[in-house]
Structures are given as structure tokens and as C-alpha cells.
Amino acid sequence: MVLGIYKRVSTDEQSNTGISLENQEARGKELAVKMGFNYKVFSDPGLSGKIPFNKRPGLNSLLNEVIDKKIQAIFVSDLDRISRGDIIQTTLIKNILKENDTKLFDLNGEINLNDINQELLTDIRSLLAAYEIKKTSSRIKSVLEQNAKNGKAGGGSLLPFGYTKDKDKKLIIDEHESEIVKLIYKLAYDGKGTKMISSILNE
């Protein structure tokens, strides 16, 4: 029997929770050794669990091998590695596993999808994940909206060229970059096109 070890972590999750791809793979290999399975590793580093499985190369390849009967069991450290907050995606994946008699394991052991009680718990976990994502998204949008009303710049390092942030996170003019902005306007006023202005700036 071959165990497909699926590992995934988005950049934000990795920085916030410390869940590493290496740790997920190590846990899967431990299970393979314990169960006497061969194994194959599938990975989607930096991809969100909200992305459809057919757009995640690692998971898509894993499911195709399940359908082709090359993989008979799957390990994920947690079910949200497969799908996070998308009930339709979760149901589609679950049906593929059930139709191909594929065993599913997580850190707590085997999840029997043919057991109505375990399947119910799986569905509840997916619903809770969907709720948590929507709640977090709503909270973030609210904070961003309030920051915008207060004149604060958005998070991250990407700011409009010619501006920087002060200690209160409000946009202020960057004196050095403002000279370049003025030059761009002058060149445009003198009739130079965007390609010509780009060449002048690069030189």
C-alpha cells in the first residue's frame, strides 16, 4: 500500500503558527513506517487552502493518483491542509476518496469516511473552518476601513511611489522620491512618452 503524504502551508500561516512543511512530512513518514506503507510526498508550499484543488499542483496530482489506484491512503496533519473553509471542495475530495476506497489519516489516526459519525464530525469541522475564515475576513475589512477613514496607509511595505509612512502610519511625502516624481511630470509635460521616460530614469 502506498501512502500519499500531502503537505501545505501558506506563507502567513507558517509565520504565524510555525507549522512547517518539514514537520508535516516527518509526521507522514512516521505513520508510513508504523503502518508498513510505502509513501510518496505531495506538496503545495505557499498556497492557501481556499484555492480549488485543481489549481493546486500537489493536491491535484495526489487525487489523480488516487483515481489511478496508485495511492491507497492519504495522510494530512490536519484536514484543513486539504481544504479550508470550502464545503463544496471538501465534499468533492471526500467523494473521490470514498469512491476509490482510499484510507484517510491525520495526526489523530484514521478517519473512516464510511462511518456516518466520523463523516459528520468531518463536515462540522469544515463548517467551523468556513465560519472562522469569514469572521476573520470581516474583522480585517473592518480594521482596514477604519484605518482608511483615519487617513492611515495600508499594511505592508508597498506604498505609492513618492510617499512613506510616519510614526502614526499616515502617508507623508518622501522627499527623495518626490524629486523623481516631479521629474516624471516634467518629462511628460515636455512631451516625452512613458517608454522614453522609463529609459531616461533607467539611465
N, C-alpha and C. Protein backbone atom coordinates (compact mmCIF):
# COMPACT_ATOMS: atom_id res chain seq x y z
N MET A 1 0.85 -1.20 0.00
CA MET A 1 0.00 0.00 0.00
C MET A 1 0.88 1.25 0.00
N VAL A 2 0.46 2.25 -0.77
CA VAL A 2 1.23 3.50 -0.86
C VAL A 2 0.46 4.62 -0.17
N LEU A 3 1.15 5.33 0.71
CA LEU A 3 0.58 6.46 1.44
C LEU A 3 0.99 7.76 0.75
N GLY A 4 0.01 8.55 0.37
CA GLY A 4 0.28 9.86 -0.18
C GLY A 4 0.34 10.88 0.96
N ILE A 5 1.51 11.46 1.19
CA ILE A 5 1.67 12.46 2.24
C ILE A 5 1.47 13.83 1.62
N TYR A 6 0.40 14.51 2.04
CA TYR A 6 0.12 15.84 1.48
C TYR A 6 0.48 16.91 2.51
N LYS A 7 1.33 17.82 2.09
CA LYS A 7 1.72 18.92 2.98
C LYS A 7 1.46 20.26 2.29
N ARG A 8 0.94 21.17 3.07
CA ARG A 8 0.63 22.51 2.55
C ARG A 8 0.69 23.50 3.70
N VAL A 9 1.20 24.67 3.40
CA VAL A 9 1.14 25.76 4.37
C VAL A 9 1.26 27.06 3.59
N SER A 10 0.41 28.01 3.93
CA SER A 10 0.52 29.32 3.29
C SER A 10 1.58 30.11 4.02
N THR A 11 2.11 31.14 3.37
CA THR A 11 3.17 31.94 3.97
C THR A 11 2.73 32.56 5.28
N ASP A 12 1.51 33.10 5.33
CA ASP A 12 1.01 33.73 6.55
C ASP A 12 0.91 32.72 7.68
N GLU A 13 0.37 31.54 7.38
CA GLU A 13 0.21 30.51 8.40
C GLU A 13 1.56 30.10 8.96
N GLN A 14 2.55 29.95 8.06
CA GLN A 14 3.85 29.48 8.50
C GLN A 14 4.48 30.49 9.46
N SER A 15 4.34 31.79 9.16
CA SER A 15 4.94 32.81 10.01
C SER A 15 4.17 32.97 11.31
N ASN A 16 2.87 32.73 11.28
CA ASN A 16 2.04 32.95 12.48
C ASN A 16 2.00 31.76 13.42
N THR A 17 2.00 30.55 12.88
CA THR A 17 1.82 29.38 13.72
C THR A 17 3.04 28.47 13.80
N GLY A 18 3.98 28.66 12.90
CA GLY A 18 5.19 27.84 12.94
C GLY A 18 5.00 26.44 12.41
N ILE A 19 3.84 26.13 11.78
CA ILE A 19 3.63 24.81 11.18
C ILE A 19 4.50 24.73 9.93
N SER A 20 5.42 23.81 9.91
CA SER A 20 6.34 23.74 8.78
C SER A 20 6.02 22.57 7.87
N LEU A 21 6.42 22.71 6.62
CA LEU A 21 6.26 21.62 5.66
C LEU A 21 7.07 20.41 6.10
N GLU A 22 8.26 20.68 6.65
CA GLU A 22 9.14 19.58 7.08
C GLU A 22 8.47 18.76 8.20
N ASN A 23 7.81 19.45 9.12
CA ASN A 23 7.16 18.77 10.23
C ASN A 23 6.01 17.90 9.73
N GLN A 24 5.22 18.43 8.80
CA GLN A 24 4.10 17.67 8.24
C GLN A 24 4.60 16.42 7.54
N GLU A 25 5.69 16.58 6.77
CA GLU A 25 6.25 15.43 6.05
C GLU A 25 6.80 14.39 7.02
N ALA A 26 7.47 14.85 8.06
CA ALA A 26 8.05 13.92 9.04
C ALA A 26 6.96 13.10 9.73
N ARG A 27 5.84 13.75 10.07
CA ARG A 27 4.73 13.02 10.70
C ARG A 27 4.15 11.97 9.76
N GLY A 28 4.07 12.33 8.48
CA GLY A 28 3.55 11.37 7.50
C GLY A 28 4.46 10.17 7.34
N LYS A 29 5.77 10.43 7.32
CA LYS A 29 6.73 9.33 7.18
C LYS A 29 6.69 8.42 8.41
N GLU A 30 6.50 9.02 9.59
CA GLU A 30 6.38 8.22 10.81
C GLU A 30 5.19 7.26 10.70
N LEU A 31 4.08 7.76 10.18
CA LEU A 31 2.90 6.90 10.02
C LEU A 31 3.17 5.79 9.02
N ALA A 32 3.84 6.14 7.90
CA ALA A 32 4.14 5.14 6.87
C ALA A 32 4.98 4.00 7.44
N VAL A 33 5.99 4.36 8.22
CA VAL A 33 6.86 3.34 8.84
C VAL A 33 6.05 2.48 9.82
N LYS A 34 5.22 3.14 10.62
CA LYS A 34 4.41 2.43 11.62
C LYS A 34 3.44 1.45 10.97
N MET A 35 2.85 1.86 9.83
CA MET A 35 1.84 1.03 9.17
C MET A 35 2.45 0.07 8.15
N GLY A 36 3.74 0.23 7.88
CA GLY A 36 4.38 -0.63 6.88
C GLY A 36 4.03 -0.24 5.46
N PHE A 37 3.72 1.05 5.23
CA PHE A 37 3.36 1.54 3.90
C PHE A 37 4.58 2.10 3.18
N ASN A 38 4.57 2.04 1.87
CA ASN A 38 5.44 2.89 1.08
C ASN A 38 4.81 4.28 1.08
N TYR A 39 5.55 5.28 0.67
CA TYR A 39 4.96 6.62 0.68
C TYR A 39 5.47 7.47 -0.49
N LYS A 40 4.69 8.49 -0.79
CA LYS A 40 5.06 9.48 -1.79
C LYS A 40 4.58 10.83 -1.29
N VAL A 41 5.43 11.84 -1.41
CA VAL A 41 5.13 13.16 -0.84
C VAL A 41 4.61 14.10 -1.93
N PHE A 42 3.54 14.82 -1.59
CA PHE A 42 2.94 15.82 -2.47
C PHE A 42 2.90 17.14 -1.70
N SER A 43 3.27 18.22 -2.37
CA SER A 43 3.42 19.48 -1.63
C SER A 43 2.86 20.67 -2.41
N ASP A 44 2.26 21.59 -1.67
CA ASP A 44 1.80 22.87 -2.22
C ASP A 44 2.28 24.00 -1.31
N PRO A 45 3.56 24.31 -1.34
CA PRO A 45 4.07 25.36 -0.46
C PRO A 45 3.55 26.74 -0.84
N GLY A 46 3.13 27.49 0.17
CA GLY A 46 2.72 28.87 -0.06
C GLY A 46 1.35 29.04 -0.69
N LEU A 47 0.56 27.96 -0.80
CA LEU A 47 -0.77 28.06 -1.41
C LEU A 47 -1.86 27.94 -0.36
N SER A 48 -2.85 28.79 -0.44
CA SER A 48 -3.95 28.79 0.52
C SER A 48 -4.84 27.58 0.32
N GLY A 49 -5.41 27.11 1.43
CA GLY A 49 -6.35 26.00 1.38
C GLY A 49 -7.68 26.39 0.76
N LYS A 50 -7.87 27.69 0.51
CA LYS A 50 -9.11 28.15 -0.13
C LYS A 50 -9.04 28.01 -1.65
N ILE A 51 -7.83 27.79 -2.18
CA ILE A 51 -7.67 27.63 -3.63
C ILE A 51 -8.23 26.27 -4.05
N PRO A 52 -9.03 26.21 -5.13
CA PRO A 52 -9.58 24.92 -5.59
C PRO A 52 -8.49 23.89 -5.80
N PHE A 53 -8.80 22.62 -5.51
CA PHE A 53 -7.77 21.58 -5.56
C PHE A 53 -7.19 21.40 -6.96
N ASN A 54 -7.99 21.69 -8.01
CA ASN A 54 -7.47 21.52 -9.37
C ASN A 54 -6.49 22.63 -9.75
N LYS A 55 -6.36 23.64 -8.89
CA LYS A 55 -5.38 24.71 -9.13
C LYS A 55 -4.22 24.62 -8.15
N ARG A 56 -4.17 23.52 -7.39
CA ARG A 56 -3.04 23.26 -6.50
C ARG A 56 -2.33 22.03 -7.06
N PRO A 57 -1.16 22.21 -7.70
CA PRO A 57 -0.49 21.10 -8.40
C PRO A 57 -0.28 19.86 -7.53
N GLY A 58 0.15 20.06 -6.29
CA GLY A 58 0.42 18.92 -5.43
C GLY A 58 -0.83 18.10 -5.13
N LEU A 59 -1.89 18.77 -4.68
CA LEU A 59 -3.13 18.07 -4.33
C LEU A 59 -3.79 17.48 -5.57
N ASN A 60 -3.75 18.20 -6.67
CA ASN A 60 -4.35 17.70 -7.90
C ASN A 60 -3.66 16.42 -8.36
N SER A 61 -2.33 16.43 -8.27
CA SER A 61 -1.56 15.24 -8.65
C SER A 61 -1.87 14.07 -7.73
N LEU A 62 -1.98 14.35 -6.43
CA LEU A 62 -2.31 13.31 -5.45
C LEU A 62 -3.66 12.67 -5.75
N LEU A 63 -4.68 13.49 -6.00
CA LEU A 63 -6.02 12.96 -6.26
C LEU A 63 -6.07 12.18 -7.57
N ASN A 64 -5.30 12.63 -8.55
CA ASN A 64 -5.24 11.88 -9.82
C ASN A 64 -4.63 10.50 -9.60
N GLU A 65 -3.63 10.42 -8.72
CA GLU A 65 -3.02 9.12 -8.44
C GLU A 65 -3.94 8.24 -7.60
N VAL A 66 -4.79 8.88 -6.80
CA VAL A 66 -5.82 8.12 -6.08
C VAL A 66 -6.78 7.48 -7.09
N ILE A 67 -7.23 8.28 -8.05
CA ILE A 67 -8.16 7.79 -9.07
C ILE A 67 -7.52 6.69 -9.92
N ASP A 68 -6.20 6.83 -10.18
CA ASP A 68 -5.48 5.83 -10.97
C ASP A 68 -5.06 4.62 -10.14
N LYS A 69 -5.49 4.58 -8.87
CA LYS A 69 -5.20 3.46 -7.97
C LYS A 69 -3.72 3.32 -7.63
N LYS A 70 -2.95 4.40 -7.78
CA LYS A 70 -1.53 4.37 -7.42
C LYS A 70 -1.33 4.71 -5.94
N ILE A 71 -2.28 5.42 -5.37
CA ILE A 71 -2.25 5.79 -3.96
C ILE A 71 -3.47 5.18 -3.28
N GLN A 72 -3.25 4.47 -2.18
CA GLN A 72 -4.36 3.81 -1.48
C GLN A 72 -4.69 4.45 -0.13
N ALA A 73 -3.84 5.37 0.32
CA ALA A 73 -4.08 6.03 1.61
C ALA A 73 -3.47 7.44 1.55
N ILE A 74 -4.04 8.35 2.34
CA ILE A 74 -3.58 9.73 2.38
C ILE A 74 -3.33 10.14 3.83
N PHE A 75 -2.25 10.90 4.03
CA PHE A 75 -2.01 11.50 5.34
C PHE A 75 -1.94 13.01 5.21
N VAL A 76 -2.66 13.69 6.10
CA VAL A 76 -2.55 15.15 6.24
C VAL A 76 -2.45 15.43 7.74
N SER A 77 -1.65 16.42 8.12
CA SER A 77 -1.51 16.72 9.54
C SER A 77 -2.84 17.20 10.12
N ASP A 78 -3.61 17.88 9.29
CA ASP A 78 -4.94 18.35 9.69
C ASP A 78 -5.79 18.43 8.44
N LEU A 79 -7.10 18.25 8.59
CA LEU A 79 -7.98 18.24 7.41
C LEU A 79 -7.98 19.56 6.67
N ASP A 80 -7.68 20.69 7.36
CA ASP A 80 -7.70 21.96 6.64
C ASP A 80 -6.50 22.12 5.72
N ARG A 81 -5.55 21.14 5.76
CA ARG A 81 -4.48 21.14 4.76
C ARG A 81 -5.07 20.86 3.38
N ILE A 82 -6.12 20.02 3.34
CA ILE A 82 -6.75 19.65 2.07
C ILE A 82 -7.66 20.76 1.57
N SER A 83 -8.55 21.22 2.42
CA SER A 83 -9.48 22.27 2.03
C SER A 83 -9.83 23.08 3.27
N ARG A 84 -9.78 24.40 3.11
CA ARG A 84 -10.02 25.24 4.26
C ARG A 84 -11.23 26.14 4.01
N GLY A 85 -12.34 25.75 4.60
CA GLY A 85 -13.50 26.63 4.58
C GLY A 85 -14.38 26.52 3.36
N ASP A 86 -14.10 25.57 2.46
CA ASP A 86 -14.92 25.41 1.27
C ASP A 86 -15.63 24.06 1.33
N ILE A 87 -16.91 24.08 1.69
CA ILE A 87 -17.66 22.85 1.87
C ILE A 87 -17.76 22.05 0.57
N ILE A 88 -17.94 22.75 -0.55
CA ILE A 88 -18.07 22.07 -1.84
C ILE A 88 -16.78 21.33 -2.17
N GLN A 89 -15.63 22.01 -1.98
CA GLN A 89 -14.34 21.37 -2.24
C GLN A 89 -14.14 20.16 -1.33
N THR A 90 -14.47 20.34 -0.06
CA THR A 90 -14.31 19.25 0.90
C THR A 90 -15.15 18.04 0.49
N THR A 91 -16.39 18.29 0.08
CA THR A 91 -17.29 17.21 -0.33
C THR A 91 -16.78 16.50 -1.58
N LEU A 92 -16.29 17.25 -2.55
CA LEU A 92 -15.76 16.66 -3.78
C LEU A 92 -14.57 15.74 -3.47
N ILE A 93 -13.66 16.25 -2.65
CA ILE A 93 -12.47 15.46 -2.30
C ILE A 93 -12.87 14.22 -1.51
N LYS A 94 -13.79 14.41 -0.56
CA LYS A 94 -14.25 13.30 0.26
C LYS A 94 -14.89 12.21 -0.62
N ASN A 95 -15.66 12.61 -1.61
CA ASN A 95 -16.29 11.64 -2.51
C ASN A 95 -15.27 10.88 -3.35
N ILE A 96 -14.21 11.58 -3.77
CA ILE A 96 -13.15 10.91 -4.53
C ILE A 96 -12.50 9.83 -3.68
N LEU A 97 -12.24 10.15 -2.43
CA LEU A 97 -11.61 9.18 -1.53
C LEU A 97 -12.53 8.00 -1.26
N LYS A 98 -13.81 8.28 -1.04
CA LYS A 98 -14.77 7.21 -0.75
C LYS A 98 -14.97 6.30 -1.96
N GLU A 99 -15.08 6.88 -3.14
CA GLU A 99 -15.31 6.10 -4.36
C GLU A 99 -14.13 5.19 -4.68
N ASN A 100 -12.94 5.58 -4.21
CA ASN A 100 -11.75 4.79 -4.51
C ASN A 100 -11.24 4.01 -3.29
N ASP A 101 -12.09 3.91 -2.27
CA ASP A 101 -11.75 3.16 -1.05
C ASP A 101 -10.38 3.57 -0.49
N THR A 102 -10.13 4.88 -0.49
CA THR A 102 -8.85 5.41 -0.01
C THR A 102 -8.92 5.72 1.47
N LYS A 103 -7.96 5.21 2.22
CA LYS A 103 -7.91 5.49 3.65
C LYS A 103 -7.43 6.92 3.88
N LEU A 104 -7.94 7.56 4.93
CA LEU A 104 -7.55 8.94 5.25
C LEU A 104 -7.04 8.99 6.69
N PHE A 105 -5.84 9.55 6.87
CA PHE A 105 -5.24 9.66 8.20
C PHE A 105 -4.89 11.12 8.50
N ASP A 106 -5.04 11.49 9.77
CA ASP A 106 -4.48 12.75 10.24
C ASP A 106 -3.68 12.43 11.51
N LEU A 107 -3.28 13.44 12.26
CA LEU A 107 -2.45 13.21 13.44
C LEU A 107 -3.14 12.36 14.50
N ASN A 108 -4.47 12.32 14.46
CA ASN A 108 -5.22 11.56 15.46
C ASN A 108 -5.51 10.13 15.05
N GLY A 109 -5.07 9.75 13.85
CA GLY A 109 -5.32 8.39 13.39
C GLY A 109 -6.17 8.35 12.14
N GLU A 110 -6.79 7.19 11.88
CA GLU A 110 -7.58 7.04 10.66
C GLU A 110 -8.95 7.68 10.82
N ILE A 111 -9.39 8.36 9.74
CA ILE A 111 -10.73 8.93 9.68
C ILE A 111 -11.54 8.06 8.73
N ASN A 112 -12.49 7.34 9.27
CA ASN A 112 -13.30 6.43 8.47
C ASN A 112 -14.47 7.20 7.85
N LEU A 113 -14.35 7.53 6.57
CA LEU A 113 -15.38 8.31 5.90
C LEU A 113 -16.65 7.51 5.63
N ASN A 114 -16.57 6.20 5.83
CA ASN A 114 -17.77 5.37 5.67
C ASN A 114 -18.55 5.24 6.98
N ASP A 115 -17.98 5.80 8.04
CA ASP A 115 -18.66 5.85 9.34
C ASP A 115 -19.43 7.17 9.39
N ILE A 116 -20.76 7.11 9.49
CA ILE A 116 -21.57 8.33 9.41
C ILE A 116 -21.23 9.30 10.54
N ASN A 117 -20.82 8.81 11.68
CA ASN A 117 -20.48 9.68 12.80
C ASN A 117 -19.18 10.45 12.52
N GLN A 118 -18.17 9.74 12.01
CA GLN A 118 -16.91 10.39 11.70
C GLN A 118 -17.07 11.35 10.51
N GLU A 119 -17.91 10.95 9.55
CA GLU A 119 -18.16 11.84 8.41
C GLU A 119 -18.86 13.11 8.87
N LEU A 120 -19.79 12.98 9.80
CA LEU A 120 -20.48 14.15 10.34
C LEU A 120 -19.49 15.09 11.03
N LEU A 121 -18.58 14.52 11.82
CA LEU A 121 -17.59 15.35 12.51
C LEU A 121 -16.69 16.06 11.51
N THR A 122 -16.36 15.38 10.41
CA THR A 122 -15.54 15.99 9.35
C THR A 122 -16.27 17.18 8.74
N ASP A 123 -17.57 17.00 8.48
CA ASP A 123 -18.37 18.09 7.89
C ASP A 123 -18.49 19.27 8.86
N ILE A 124 -18.64 18.97 10.14
CA ILE A 124 -18.75 20.03 11.14
C ILE A 124 -17.45 20.83 11.21
N ARG A 125 -16.32 20.13 11.16
CA ARG A 125 -15.02 20.82 11.18
C ARG A 125 -14.87 21.73 9.98
N SER A 126 -15.35 21.28 8.82
CA SER A 126 -15.28 22.10 7.61
C SER A 126 -16.16 23.35 7.74
N LEU A 127 -17.35 23.18 8.31
CA LEU A 127 -18.25 24.31 8.53
C LEU A 127 -17.64 25.33 9.50
N LEU A 128 -17.01 24.83 10.56
CA LEU A 128 -16.38 25.72 11.52
C LEU A 128 -15.22 26.48 10.89
N ALA A 129 -14.46 25.80 10.03
CA ALA A 129 -13.34 26.45 9.34
C ALA A 129 -13.86 27.54 8.41
N ALA A 130 -14.97 27.26 7.71
CA ALA A 130 -15.57 28.26 6.82
C ALA A 130 -16.04 29.47 7.61
N TYR A 131 -16.66 29.22 8.75
CA TYR A 131 -17.14 30.31 9.62
C TYR A 131 -15.97 31.16 10.12
N GLU A 132 -14.89 30.50 10.53
CA GLU A 132 -13.73 31.21 11.08
C GLU A 132 -13.09 32.11 10.01
N ILE A 133 -13.01 31.60 8.77
CA ILE A 133 -12.43 32.38 7.67
C ILE A 133 -13.27 33.62 7.40
N LYS A 134 -14.59 33.45 7.35
CA LYS A 134 -15.47 34.59 7.09
C LYS A 134 -15.41 35.61 8.22
N LYS A 135 -15.33 35.13 9.46
CA LYS A 135 -15.26 36.03 10.60
C LYS A 135 -13.95 36.83 10.58
N THR A 136 -12.85 36.15 10.27
CA THR A 136 -11.55 36.82 10.21
C THR A 136 -11.52 37.83 9.08
N SER A 137 -12.06 37.45 7.92
CA SER A 137 -12.11 38.35 6.77
C SER A 137 -12.91 39.60 7.08
N SER A 138 -14.05 39.44 7.75
CA SER A 138 -14.89 40.58 8.12
C SER A 138 -14.16 41.50 9.08
N ARG A 139 -13.43 40.91 10.04
CA ARG A 139 -12.69 41.71 11.02
C ARG A 139 -11.58 42.50 10.35
N ILE A 140 -10.86 41.87 9.42
CA ILE A 140 -9.77 42.56 8.71
C ILE A 140 -10.30 43.71 7.87
N LYS A 141 -11.42 43.46 7.16
CA LYS A 141 -12.02 44.52 6.33
C LYS A 141 -12.45 45.70 7.18
N SER A 142 -12.97 45.42 8.37
CA SER A 142 -13.41 46.48 9.27
C SER A 142 -12.23 47.34 9.72
N VAL A 143 -11.11 46.68 10.06
CA VAL A 143 -9.91 47.40 10.50
C VAL A 143 -9.35 48.25 9.37
N LEU A 144 -9.29 47.67 8.16
CA LEU A 144 -8.76 48.40 7.01
C LEU A 144 -9.62 49.62 6.69
N GLU A 145 -10.95 49.44 6.78
CA GLU A 145 -11.87 50.54 6.51
C GLU A 145 -11.68 51.68 7.53
N GLN A 146 -11.52 51.30 8.80
CA GLN A 146 -11.33 52.31 9.84
C GLN A 146 -10.00 53.03 9.66
N ASN A 147 -8.96 52.28 9.29
CA ASN A 147 -7.65 52.90 9.05
C ASN A 147 -7.72 53.90 7.90
N ALA A 148 -8.47 53.52 6.85
CA ALA A 148 -8.61 54.42 5.71
C ALA A 148 -9.34 55.71 6.11
N LYS A 149 -10.37 55.57 6.94
CA LYS A 149 -11.11 56.75 7.42
C LYS A 149 -10.22 57.66 8.26
N ASN A 150 -9.25 57.04 8.96
CA ASN A 150 -8.34 57.82 9.81
C ASN A 150 -7.12 58.32 9.05
N GLY A 151 -7.11 58.05 7.74
CA GLY A 151 -6.01 58.54 6.92
C GLY A 151 -4.73 57.73 7.03
N LYS A 152 -4.83 56.51 7.53
CA LYS A 152 -3.65 55.68 7.69
C LYS A 152 -3.42 54.84 6.43
N ALA A 153 -2.13 54.60 6.14
CA ALA A 153 -1.78 53.79 4.98
C ALA A 153 -2.02 52.32 5.28
N GLY A 154 -2.23 51.52 4.24
CA GLY A 154 -2.45 50.09 4.42
C GLY A 154 -1.21 49.40 4.93
N GLY A 155 -1.37 48.15 5.32
CA GLY A 155 -0.25 47.38 5.84
C GLY A 155 0.73 46.99 4.75
N GLY A 156 1.87 46.49 5.15
CA GLY A 156 2.87 46.05 4.20
C GLY A 156 3.79 47.18 3.77
N SER A 157 4.76 46.82 2.92
CA SER A 157 5.78 47.78 2.51
C SER A 157 5.48 48.44 1.16
N LEU A 158 4.42 47.98 0.48
CA LEU A 158 4.09 48.54 -0.83
C LEU A 158 3.28 49.82 -0.67
N LEU A 159 3.93 50.94 -0.93
CA LEU A 159 3.29 52.25 -0.80
C LEU A 159 3.35 52.97 -2.14
N PRO A 160 2.48 53.97 -2.35
CA PRO A 160 2.56 54.76 -3.59
C PRO A 160 3.94 55.40 -3.69
N PHE A 161 4.52 55.31 -4.88
CA PHE A 161 5.85 55.90 -5.07
C PHE A 161 5.80 57.40 -4.77
N GLY A 162 6.76 57.87 -4.01
CA GLY A 162 6.79 59.29 -3.63
C GLY A 162 6.29 59.53 -2.22
N TYR A 163 5.84 58.45 -1.56
CA TYR A 163 5.30 58.58 -0.21
C TYR A 163 5.94 57.57 0.73
N THR A 164 5.91 57.87 2.00
CA THR A 164 6.32 56.95 3.05
C THR A 164 5.33 57.07 4.19
N LYS A 165 5.56 56.35 5.30
CA LYS A 165 4.65 56.43 6.44
C LYS A 165 5.34 57.09 7.62
N ASP A 166 4.57 57.87 8.39
CA ASP A 166 5.12 58.43 9.62
C ASP A 166 4.86 57.48 10.78
N LYS A 167 5.16 57.90 12.00
CA LYS A 167 5.02 57.02 13.15
C LYS A 167 3.56 56.65 13.43
N ASP A 168 2.63 57.47 12.91
CA ASP A 168 1.20 57.18 13.08
C ASP A 168 0.62 56.41 11.90
N LYS A 169 1.50 55.92 11.01
CA LYS A 169 1.13 55.14 9.83
C LYS A 169 0.32 55.95 8.81
N LYS A 170 0.53 57.25 8.82
CA LYS A 170 -0.13 58.11 7.83
C LYS A 170 0.85 58.42 6.71
N LEU A 171 0.29 58.56 5.49
CA LEU A 171 1.15 58.84 4.34
C LEU A 171 1.74 60.24 4.43
N ILE A 172 3.05 60.32 4.20
CA ILE A 172 3.71 61.62 4.09
C ILE A 172 4.63 61.57 2.87
N ILE A 173 4.99 62.72 2.36
CA ILE A 173 5.83 62.79 1.17
C ILE A 173 7.24 62.32 1.49
N ASP A 174 7.77 61.46 0.62
CA ASP A 174 9.17 61.05 0.70
C ASP A 174 9.97 62.06 -0.12
N GLU A 175 10.80 62.85 0.55
CA GLU A 175 11.47 63.97 -0.10
C GLU A 175 12.36 63.51 -1.26
N HIS A 176 13.06 62.40 -1.09
CA HIS A 176 13.93 61.92 -2.16
C HIS A 176 13.11 61.46 -3.37
N GLU A 177 12.11 60.59 -3.12
CA GLU A 177 11.30 60.07 -4.22
C GLU A 177 10.46 61.15 -4.87
N SER A 178 10.10 62.20 -4.10
CA SER A 178 9.27 63.27 -4.67
C SER A 178 10.00 63.99 -5.80
N GLU A 179 11.33 64.06 -5.71
CA GLU A 179 12.10 64.70 -6.78
C GLU A 179 11.98 63.91 -8.08
N ILE A 180 11.94 62.59 -7.96
CA ILE A 180 11.79 61.74 -9.15
C ILE A 180 10.39 61.89 -9.73
N VAL A 181 9.38 61.98 -8.83
CA VAL A 181 8.00 62.18 -9.29
C VAL A 181 7.89 63.50 -10.06
N LYS A 182 8.52 64.54 -9.52
CA LYS A 182 8.49 65.85 -10.20
C LYS A 182 9.15 65.76 -11.57
N LEU A 183 10.25 64.99 -11.64
CA LEU A 183 10.95 64.82 -12.91
C LEU A 183 10.06 64.11 -13.92
N ILE A 184 9.34 63.09 -13.46
CA ILE A 184 8.43 62.35 -14.35
C ILE A 184 7.38 63.29 -14.93
N TYR A 185 6.79 64.12 -14.07
CA TYR A 185 5.79 65.08 -14.54
C TYR A 185 6.38 66.07 -15.53
N LYS A 186 7.59 66.53 -15.25
CA LYS A 186 8.24 67.49 -16.15
C LYS A 186 8.50 66.88 -17.52
N LEU A 187 9.01 65.64 -17.50
CA LEU A 187 9.28 64.96 -18.77
C LEU A 187 7.99 64.75 -19.57
N ALA A 188 6.91 64.36 -18.87
CA ALA A 188 5.62 64.17 -19.54
C ALA A 188 5.12 65.50 -20.09
N TYR A 189 5.30 66.58 -19.32
CA TYR A 189 4.86 67.91 -19.75
C TYR A 189 5.63 68.35 -20.99
N ASP A 190 6.90 67.90 -21.08
CA ASP A 190 7.74 68.25 -22.23
C ASP A 190 7.46 67.38 -23.45
N GLY A 191 6.49 66.45 -23.32
CA GLY A 191 6.09 65.65 -24.47
C GLY A 191 6.70 64.28 -24.55
N LYS A 192 7.42 63.86 -23.52
CA LYS A 192 8.03 62.54 -23.53
C LYS A 192 6.96 61.47 -23.21
N GLY A 193 7.03 60.34 -23.92
CA GLY A 193 6.11 59.24 -23.66
C GLY A 193 6.61 58.35 -22.52
N THR A 194 5.79 57.37 -22.14
CA THR A 194 6.14 56.53 -20.99
C THR A 194 7.41 55.71 -21.23
N LYS A 195 7.60 55.21 -22.46
CA LYS A 195 8.80 54.42 -22.75
C LYS A 195 10.05 55.29 -22.67
N MET A 196 9.95 56.51 -23.19
CA MET A 196 11.09 57.42 -23.15
C MET A 196 11.42 57.81 -21.71
N ILE A 197 10.38 58.09 -20.92
CA ILE A 197 10.60 58.46 -19.51
C ILE A 197 11.24 57.28 -18.77
N SER A 198 10.76 56.07 -19.06
CA SER A 198 11.33 54.88 -18.43
C SER A 198 12.82 54.73 -18.76
N SER A 199 13.16 54.93 -20.04
CA SER A 199 14.56 54.82 -20.46
C SER A 199 15.43 55.86 -19.77
N ILE A 200 14.92 57.10 -19.67
CA ILE A 200 15.68 58.18 -19.02
C ILE A 200 15.92 57.85 -17.55
N LEU A 201 14.89 57.35 -16.89
CA LEU A 201 15.02 57.02 -15.47
C LEU A 201 15.99 55.85 -15.27
N ASN A 202 15.92 54.85 -16.16
CA ASN A 202 16.82 53.71 -16.05
C ASN A 202 18.28 54.12 -16.26
N GLU A 203 18.49 55.04 -17.20
CA GLU A 203 19.85 55.54 -17.43
C GLU A 203 20.36 56.32 -16.24
